Amino acid sequence: MINPNARIFEEEKRLRPKNSEVERLLGCNDKIKKLTKWEQKYSLDNGLKATIEWFKDSSNLKGYKSGIYNV
């Protein structure tokens, strides 16, 4: 949505090590929906659009540490 032609770079320190406990982390909201009748408010596309708009507002970035990655 921002730049579909952007190149993707990988940093070795940010990749999961081989033979780690989990290869991929996936989530499912079925259980919370069943137990609490919770329903999501946003589709994936609408959630991404809202997130992009949030980042465009510079006042939201005061506490956001974009220059570091905590491993």
PDB file of N, CA and C in Angstrom:
ATOM      1  N   MET A   1       0.812  -1.204   0.000  1.00  0.00           N
ATOM      2  CA  MET A   1       0.000   0.000   0.000  1.00  0.00           C
ATOM      3  C   MET A   1       0.855   1.267   0.000  1.00  0.00           C
ATOM      4  N   ILE A   2       2.060   1.168   0.544  1.00  0.00           N
ATOM      5  CA  ILE A   2       2.926   2.341   0.575  1.00  0.00           C
ATOM      6  C   ILE A   2       3.824   2.371  -0.650  1.00  0.00           C
ATOM      7  N   ASN A   3       4.527   1.276  -0.886  1.00  0.00           N
ATOM      8  CA  ASN A   3       5.435   1.199  -2.028  1.00  0.00           C
ATOM      9  C   ASN A   3       5.532  -0.264  -2.464  1.00  0.00           C
ATOM     10  N   PRO A   4       4.626  -0.697  -3.335  1.00  0.00           N
ATOM     11  CA  PRO A   4       4.626  -2.112  -3.723  1.00  0.00           C
ATOM     12  C   PRO A   4       5.880  -2.552  -4.474  1.00  0.00           C
ATOM     13  N   ASN A   5       6.688  -1.630  -4.947  1.00  0.00           N
ATOM     14  CA  ASN A   5       7.924  -1.978  -5.650  1.00  0.00           C
ATOM     15  C   ASN A   5       9.154  -1.917  -4.749  1.00  0.00           C
ATOM     16  N   ALA A   6       8.949  -1.754  -3.453  1.00  0.00           N
ATOM     17  CA  ALA A   6      10.068  -1.657  -2.510  1.00  0.00           C
ATOM     18  C   ALA A   6      10.850  -2.964  -2.482  1.00  0.00           C
ATOM     19  N   ARG A   7      12.146  -2.869  -2.309  1.00  0.00           N
ATOM     20  CA  ARG A   7      12.992  -4.051  -2.170  1.00  0.00           C
ATOM     21  C   ARG A   7      13.015  -4.483  -0.713  1.00  0.00           C
ATOM     22  N   ILE A   8      13.063  -5.777  -0.498  1.00  0.00           N
ATOM     23  CA  ILE A   8      13.084  -6.331   0.858  1.00  0.00           C
ATOM     24  C   ILE A   8      14.508  -6.754   1.190  1.00  0.00           C
ATOM     25  N   PHE A   9      15.004  -6.280   2.329  1.00  0.00           N
ATOM     26  CA  PHE A   9      16.337  -6.640   2.804  1.00  0.00           C
ATOM     27  C   PHE A   9      16.192  -7.476   4.062  1.00  0.00           C
ATOM     28  N   GLU A  10      17.023  -8.470   4.210  1.00  0.00           N
ATOM     29  CA  GLU A  10      17.036  -9.294   5.421  1.00  0.00           C
ATOM     30  C   GLU A  10      18.297  -9.023   6.211  1.00  0.00           C
ATOM     31  N   GLU A  11      18.152  -8.953   7.523  1.00  0.00           N
ATOM     32  CA  GLU A  11      19.294  -8.851   8.414  1.00  0.00           C
ATOM     33  C   GLU A  11      19.415 -10.177   9.150  1.00  0.00           C
ATOM     34  N   GLU A  12      20.579 -10.776   9.087  1.00  0.00           N
ATOM     35  CA  GLU A  12      20.797 -12.094   9.679  1.00  0.00           C
ATOM     36  C   GLU A  12      20.362 -12.138  11.145  1.00  0.00           C
ATOM     37  N   LYS A  13      20.666 -11.094  11.911  1.00  0.00           N
ATOM     38  CA  LYS A  13      20.339 -11.118  13.345  1.00  0.00           C
ATOM     39  C   LYS A  13      18.835 -11.097  13.606  1.00  0.00           C
ATOM     40  N   ARG A  14      18.028 -10.728  12.588  1.00  0.00           N
ATOM     41  CA  ARG A  14      16.586 -10.663  12.780  1.00  0.00           C
ATOM     42  C   ARG A  14      15.873 -11.936  12.318  1.00  0.00           C
ATOM     43  N   LEU A  15      16.616 -12.890  11.751  1.00  0.00           N
ATOM     44  CA  LEU A  15      16.020 -14.133  11.285  1.00  0.00           C
ATOM     45  C   LEU A  15      15.999 -15.161  12.405  1.00  0.00           C
ATOM     46  N   ARG A  16      14.987 -15.996  12.402  1.00  0.00           N
ATOM     47  CA  ARG A  16      14.934 -17.074  13.397  1.00  0.00           C
ATOM     48  C   ARG A  16      16.038 -18.072  13.094  1.00  0.00           C
ATOM     49  N   PRO A  17      16.772 -18.500  14.098  1.00  0.00           N
ATOM     50  CA  PRO A  17      17.842 -19.483  13.865  1.00  0.00           C
ATOM     51  C   PRO A  17      17.269 -20.827  13.421  1.00  0.00           C
ATOM     52  N   LYS A  18      18.052 -21.560  12.625  1.00  0.00           N
ATOM     53  CA  LYS A  18      17.636 -22.910  12.233  1.00  0.00           C
ATOM     54  C   LYS A  18      17.476 -23.747  13.492  1.00  0.00           C
ATOM     55  N   ASN A  19      16.545 -24.663  13.448  1.00  0.00           N
ATOM     56  CA  ASN A  19      16.229 -25.546  14.584  1.00  0.00           C
ATOM     57  C   ASN A  19      15.746 -24.784  15.806  1.00  0.00           C
ATOM     58  N   SER A  20      15.231 -23.562  15.598  1.00  0.00           N
ATOM     59  CA  SER A  20      14.677 -22.837  16.743  1.00  0.00           C
ATOM     60  C   SER A  20      13.341 -23.474  17.132  1.00  0.00           C
ATOM     61  N   GLU A  21      12.842 -23.052  18.242  1.00  0.00           N
ATOM     62  CA  GLU A  21      11.625 -23.644  18.778  1.00  0.00           C
ATOM     63  C   GLU A  21      10.457 -23.536  17.794  1.00  0.00           C
ATOM     64  N   VAL A  22      10.333 -22.398  17.129  1.00  0.00           N
ATOM     65  CA  VAL A  22       9.227 -22.172  16.208  1.00  0.00           C
ATOM     66  C   VAL A  22       9.763 -21.576  14.912  1.00  0.00           C
ATOM     67  N   GLU A  23       9.277 -22.072  13.791  1.00  0.00           N
ATOM     68  CA  GLU A  23       9.706 -21.494  12.521  1.00  0.00           C
ATOM     69  C   GLU A  23       8.887 -20.254  12.197  1.00  0.00           C
ATOM     70  N   ARG A  24       7.585 -20.343  12.437  1.00  0.00           N
ATOM     71  CA  ARG A  24       6.694 -19.215  12.134  1.00  0.00           C
ATOM     72  C   ARG A  24       5.738 -19.025  13.296  1.00  0.00           C
ATOM     73  N   LEU A  25       5.382 -17.787  13.545  1.00  0.00           N
ATOM     74  CA  LEU A  25       4.403 -17.484  14.576  1.00  0.00           C
ATOM     75  C   LEU A  25       3.096 -17.108  13.881  1.00  0.00           C
ATOM     76  N   LEU A  26       2.054 -17.844  14.171  1.00  0.00           N
ATOM     77  CA  LEU A  26       0.751 -17.596  13.573  1.00  0.00           C
ATOM     78  C   LEU A  26      -0.277 -17.427  14.678  1.00  0.00           C
ATOM     79  N   GLY A  27      -1.263 -16.612  14.422  1.00  0.00           N
ATOM     80  CA  GLY A  27      -2.303 -16.415  15.409  1.00  0.00           C
ATOM     81  C   GLY A  27      -3.671 -16.741  14.829  1.00  0.00           C
ATOM     82  N   CYS A  28      -4.602 -17.045  15.693  1.00  0.00           N
ATOM     83  CA  CYS A  28      -5.970 -17.340  15.285  1.00  0.00           C
ATOM     84  C   CYS A  28      -6.887 -16.740  16.349  1.00  0.00           C
ATOM     85  N   ASN A  29      -7.916 -16.035  15.906  1.00  0.00           N
ATOM     86  CA  ASN A  29      -8.802 -15.396  16.871  1.00  0.00           C
ATOM     87  C   ASN A  29     -10.073 -16.217  17.134  1.00  0.00           C
ATOM     88  N   ASP A  30     -10.127 -17.461  16.662  1.00  0.00           N
ATOM     89  CA  ASP A  30     -11.330 -18.280  16.832  1.00  0.00           C
ATOM     90  C   ASP A  30     -11.721 -18.459  18.299  1.00  0.00           C
ATOM     91  N   LYS A  31     -10.736 -18.731  19.167  1.00  0.00           N
ATOM     92  CA  LYS A  31     -11.051 -19.015  20.573  1.00  0.00           C
ATOM     93  C   LYS A  31     -11.608 -17.780  21.282  1.00  0.00           C
ATOM     94  N   ILE A  32     -10.982 -16.630  21.078  1.00  0.00           N
ATOM     95  CA  ILE A  32     -11.481 -15.414  21.750  1.00  0.00           C
ATOM     96  C   ILE A  32     -12.859 -15.030  21.223  1.00  0.00           C
ATOM     97  N   LYS A  33     -13.091 -15.261  19.936  1.00  0.00           N
ATOM     98  CA  LYS A  33     -14.406 -14.974  19.367  1.00  0.00           C
ATOM     99  C   LYS A  33     -15.467 -15.888  19.975  1.00  0.00           C
ATOM    100  N   LYS A  34     -15.122 -17.171  20.135  1.00  0.00           N
ATOM    101  CA  LYS A  34     -16.064 -18.140  20.692  1.00  0.00           C
ATOM    102  C   LYS A  34     -16.372 -17.845  22.161  1.00  0.00           C
ATOM    103  N   LEU A  35     -15.344 -17.514  22.938  1.00  0.00           N
ATOM    104  CA  LEU A  35     -15.524 -17.325  24.379  1.00  0.00           C
ATOM    105  C   LEU A  35     -16.110 -15.973  24.755  1.00  0.00           C
ATOM    106  N   THR A  36     -15.895 -14.950  23.938  1.00  0.00           N
ATOM    107  CA  THR A  36     -16.311 -13.597  24.334  1.00  0.00           C
ATOM    108  C   THR A  36     -17.237 -12.909  23.335  1.00  0.00           C
ATOM    109  N   LYS A  37     -17.504 -13.532  22.221  1.00  0.00           N
ATOM    110  CA  LYS A  37     -18.318 -12.930  21.152  1.00  0.00           C
ATOM    111  C   LYS A  37     -17.623 -11.714  20.545  1.00  0.00           C
ATOM    112  N   TRP A  38     -16.293 -11.632  20.727  1.00  0.00           N
ATOM    113  CA  TRP A  38     -15.506 -10.539  20.161  1.00  0.00           C
ATOM    114  C   TRP A  38     -15.532 -10.613  18.640  1.00  0.00           C
ATOM    115  N   GLU A  39     -15.591  -9.478  17.987  1.00  0.00           N
ATOM    116  CA  GLU A  39     -15.494  -9.386  16.531  1.00  0.00           C
ATOM    117  C   GLU A  39     -14.496  -8.292  16.188  1.00  0.00           C
ATOM    118  N   GLN A  40     -13.669  -8.542  15.184  1.00  0.00           N
ATOM    119  CA  GLN A  40     -12.711  -7.523  14.772  1.00  0.00           C
ATOM    120  C   GLN A  40     -13.457  -6.334  14.152  1.00  0.00           C
ATOM    121  N   LYS A  41     -12.860  -5.134  14.298  1.00  0.00           N
ATOM    122  CA  LYS A  41     -13.455  -3.918  13.759  1.00  0.00           C
ATOM    123  C   LYS A  41     -12.929  -3.592  12.374  1.00  0.00           C
ATOM    124  N   TYR A  42     -11.774  -4.138  12.027  1.00  0.00           N
ATOM    125  CA  TYR A  42     -11.116  -3.778  10.779  1.00  0.00           C
ATOM    126  C   TYR A  42     -10.834  -5.021   9.940  1.00  0.00           C
ATOM    127  N   SER A  43     -10.990  -4.876   8.638  1.00  0.00           N
ATOM    128  CA  SER A  43     -10.462  -5.895   7.735  1.00  0.00           C
ATOM    129  C   SER A  43      -8.952  -5.666   7.665  1.00  0.00           C
ATOM    130  N   LEU A  44      -8.229  -6.594   7.066  1.00  0.00           N
ATOM    131  CA  LEU A  44      -6.784  -6.406   6.932  1.00  0.00           C
ATOM    132  C   LEU A  44      -6.482  -5.130   6.150  1.00  0.00           C
ATOM    133  N   ASP A  45      -7.147  -4.933   5.021  1.00  0.00           N
ATOM    134  CA  ASP A  45      -6.899  -3.726   4.218  1.00  0.00           C
ATOM    135  C   ASP A  45      -7.205  -2.448   4.994  1.00  0.00           C
ATOM    136  N   ASN A  46      -8.335  -2.404   5.695  1.00  0.00           N
ATOM    137  CA  ASN A  46      -8.680  -1.206   6.467  1.00  0.00           C
ATOM    138  C   ASN A  46      -7.727  -0.995   7.636  1.00  0.00           C
ATOM    139  N   GLY A  47      -7.279  -2.078   8.260  1.00  0.00           N
ATOM    140  CA  GLY A  47      -6.309  -1.966   9.351  1.00  0.00           C
ATOM    141  C   GLY A  47      -4.978  -1.431   8.863  1.00  0.00           C
ATOM    142  N   LEU A  48      -4.525  -1.908   7.702  1.00  0.00           N
ATOM    143  CA  LEU A  48      -3.273  -1.395   7.136  1.00  0.00           C
ATOM    144  C   LEU A  48      -3.399   0.077   6.777  1.00  0.00           C
ATOM    145  N   LYS A  49      -4.514   0.457   6.185  1.00  0.00           N
ATOM    146  CA  LYS A  49      -4.739   1.878   5.843  1.00  0.00           C
ATOM    147  C   LYS A  49      -4.732   2.744   7.094  1.00  0.00           C
ATOM    148  N   ALA A  50      -5.402   2.296   8.159  1.00  0.00           N
ATOM    149  CA  ALA A  50      -5.430   3.059   9.413  1.00  0.00           C
ATOM    150  C   ALA A  50      -4.034   3.167  10.020  1.00  0.00           C
ATOM    151  N   THR A  51      -3.253   2.090   9.951  1.00  0.00           N
ATOM    152  CA  THR A  51      -1.893   2.108  10.478  1.00  0.00           C
ATOM    153  C   THR A  51      -1.016   3.075   9.697  1.00  0.00           C
ATOM    154  N   ILE A  52      -1.136   3.073   8.394  1.00  0.00           N
ATOM    155  CA  ILE A  52      -0.362   4.000   7.554  1.00  0.00           C
ATOM    156  C   ILE A  52      -0.723   5.437   7.901  1.00  0.00           C
ATOM    157  N   GLU A  53      -1.995   5.716   8.064  1.00  0.00           N
ATOM    158  CA  GLU A  53      -2.418   7.077   8.432  1.00  0.00           C
ATOM    159  C   GLU A  53      -1.870   7.464   9.802  1.00  0.00           C
ATOM    160  N   TRP A  54      -1.838   6.527  10.740  1.00  0.00           N
ATOM    161  CA  TRP A  54      -1.307   6.805  12.080  1.00  0.00           C
ATOM    162  C   TRP A  54       0.157   7.216  11.979  1.00  0.00           C
ATOM    163  N   PHE A  55       0.942   6.499  11.161  1.00  0.00           N
ATOM    164  CA  PHE A  55       2.359   6.813  11.014  1.00  0.00           C
ATOM    165  C   PHE A  55       2.579   8.142  10.302  1.00  0.00           C
ATOM    166  N   LYS A  56       1.652   8.564   9.471  1.00  0.00           N
ATOM    167  CA  LYS A  56       1.789   9.845   8.773  1.00  0.00           C
ATOM    168  C   LYS A  56       1.668  11.031   9.729  1.00  0.00           C
ATOM    169  N   ASP A  57       0.991  10.842  10.844  1.00  0.00           N
ATOM    170  CA  ASP A  57       0.823  11.909  11.841  1.00  0.00           C
ATOM    171  C   ASP A  57       2.055  11.927  12.739  1.00  0.00           C
ATOM    172  N   SER A  58       2.908  12.913  12.549  1.00  0.00           N
ATOM    173  CA  SER A  58       4.188  12.951  13.259  1.00  0.00           C
ATOM    174  C   SER A  58       4.029  13.020  14.776  1.00  0.00           C
ATOM    175  N   SER A  59       2.899  13.495  15.287  1.00  0.00           N
ATOM    176  CA  SER A  59       2.729  13.553  16.741  1.00  0.00           C
ATOM    177  C   SER A  59       2.637  12.144  17.342  1.00  0.00           C
ATOM    178  N   ASN A  60       2.279  11.166  16.542  1.00  0.00           N
ATOM    179  CA  ASN A  60       2.214   9.782  17.026  1.00  0.00           C
ATOM    180  C   ASN A  60       3.592   9.147  17.153  1.00  0.00           C
ATOM    181  N   LEU A  61       4.590   9.722  16.539  1.00  0.00           N
ATOM    182  CA  LEU A  61       5.906   9.094  16.480  1.00  0.00           C
ATOM    183  C   LEU A  61       6.825   9.480  17.635  1.00  0.00           C
ATOM    184  N   LYS A  62       6.370  10.330  18.539  1.00  0.00           N
ATOM    185  CA  LYS A  62       7.223  10.796  19.640  1.00  0.00           C
ATOM    186  C   LYS A  62       7.791   9.635  20.459  1.00  0.00           C
ATOM    187  N   GLY A  63       7.018   8.627  20.753  1.00  0.00           N
ATOM    188  CA  GLY A  63       7.503   7.517  21.562  1.00  0.00           C
ATOM    189  C   GLY A  63       7.885   6.297  20.753  1.00  0.00           C
ATOM    190  N   TYR A  64       7.851   6.420  19.446  1.00  0.00           N
ATOM    191  CA  TYR A  64       8.154   5.285  18.582  1.00  0.00           C
ATOM    192  C   TYR A  64       9.639   5.292  18.233  1.00  0.00           C
ATOM    193  N   LYS A  65      10.314   4.196  18.516  1.00  0.00           N
ATOM    194  CA  LYS A  65      11.766   4.108  18.302  1.00  0.00           C
ATOM    195  C   LYS A  65      12.038   3.397  16.976  1.00  0.00           C
ATOM    196  N   SER A  66      11.980   4.145  15.888  1.00  0.00           N
ATOM    197  CA  SER A  66      12.129   3.536  14.561  1.00  0.00           C
ATOM    198  C   SER A  66      13.577   3.169  14.248  1.00  0.00           C
ATOM    199  N   GLY A  67      14.538   3.716  14.966  1.00  0.00           N
ATOM    200  CA  GLY A  67      15.937   3.478  14.650  1.00  0.00           C
ATOM    201  C   GLY A  67      16.559   2.271  15.332  1.00  0.00           C
ATOM    202  N   ILE A  68      15.766   1.566  16.171  1.00  0.00           N
ATOM    203  CA  ILE A  68      16.335   0.404  16.860  1.00  0.00           C
ATOM    204  C   ILE A  68      15.442  -0.806  16.648  1.00  0.00           C
ATOM    205  N   TYR A  69      16.023  -1.969  16.805  1.00  0.00           N
ATOM    206  CA  TYR A  69      15.268  -3.216  16.769  1.00  0.00           C
ATOM    207  C   TYR A  69      15.715  -4.046  17.965  1.00  0.00           C
ATOM    208  N   ASN A  70      14.785  -4.314  18.856  1.00  0.00           N
ATOM    209  CA  ASN A  70      15.112  -5.099  20.049  1.00  0.00           C
ATOM    210  C   ASN A  70      15.018  -6.571  19.718  1.00  0.00           C
ATOM    211  N   VAL A  71      16.128  -7.268  19.822  1.00  0.00           N
ATOM    212  CA  VAL A  71      16.154  -8.700  19.531  1.00  0.00           C
ATOM    213  C   VAL A  71      16.031  -9.458  20.826  1.00  0.00           C
TER     214      VAL A  71
END
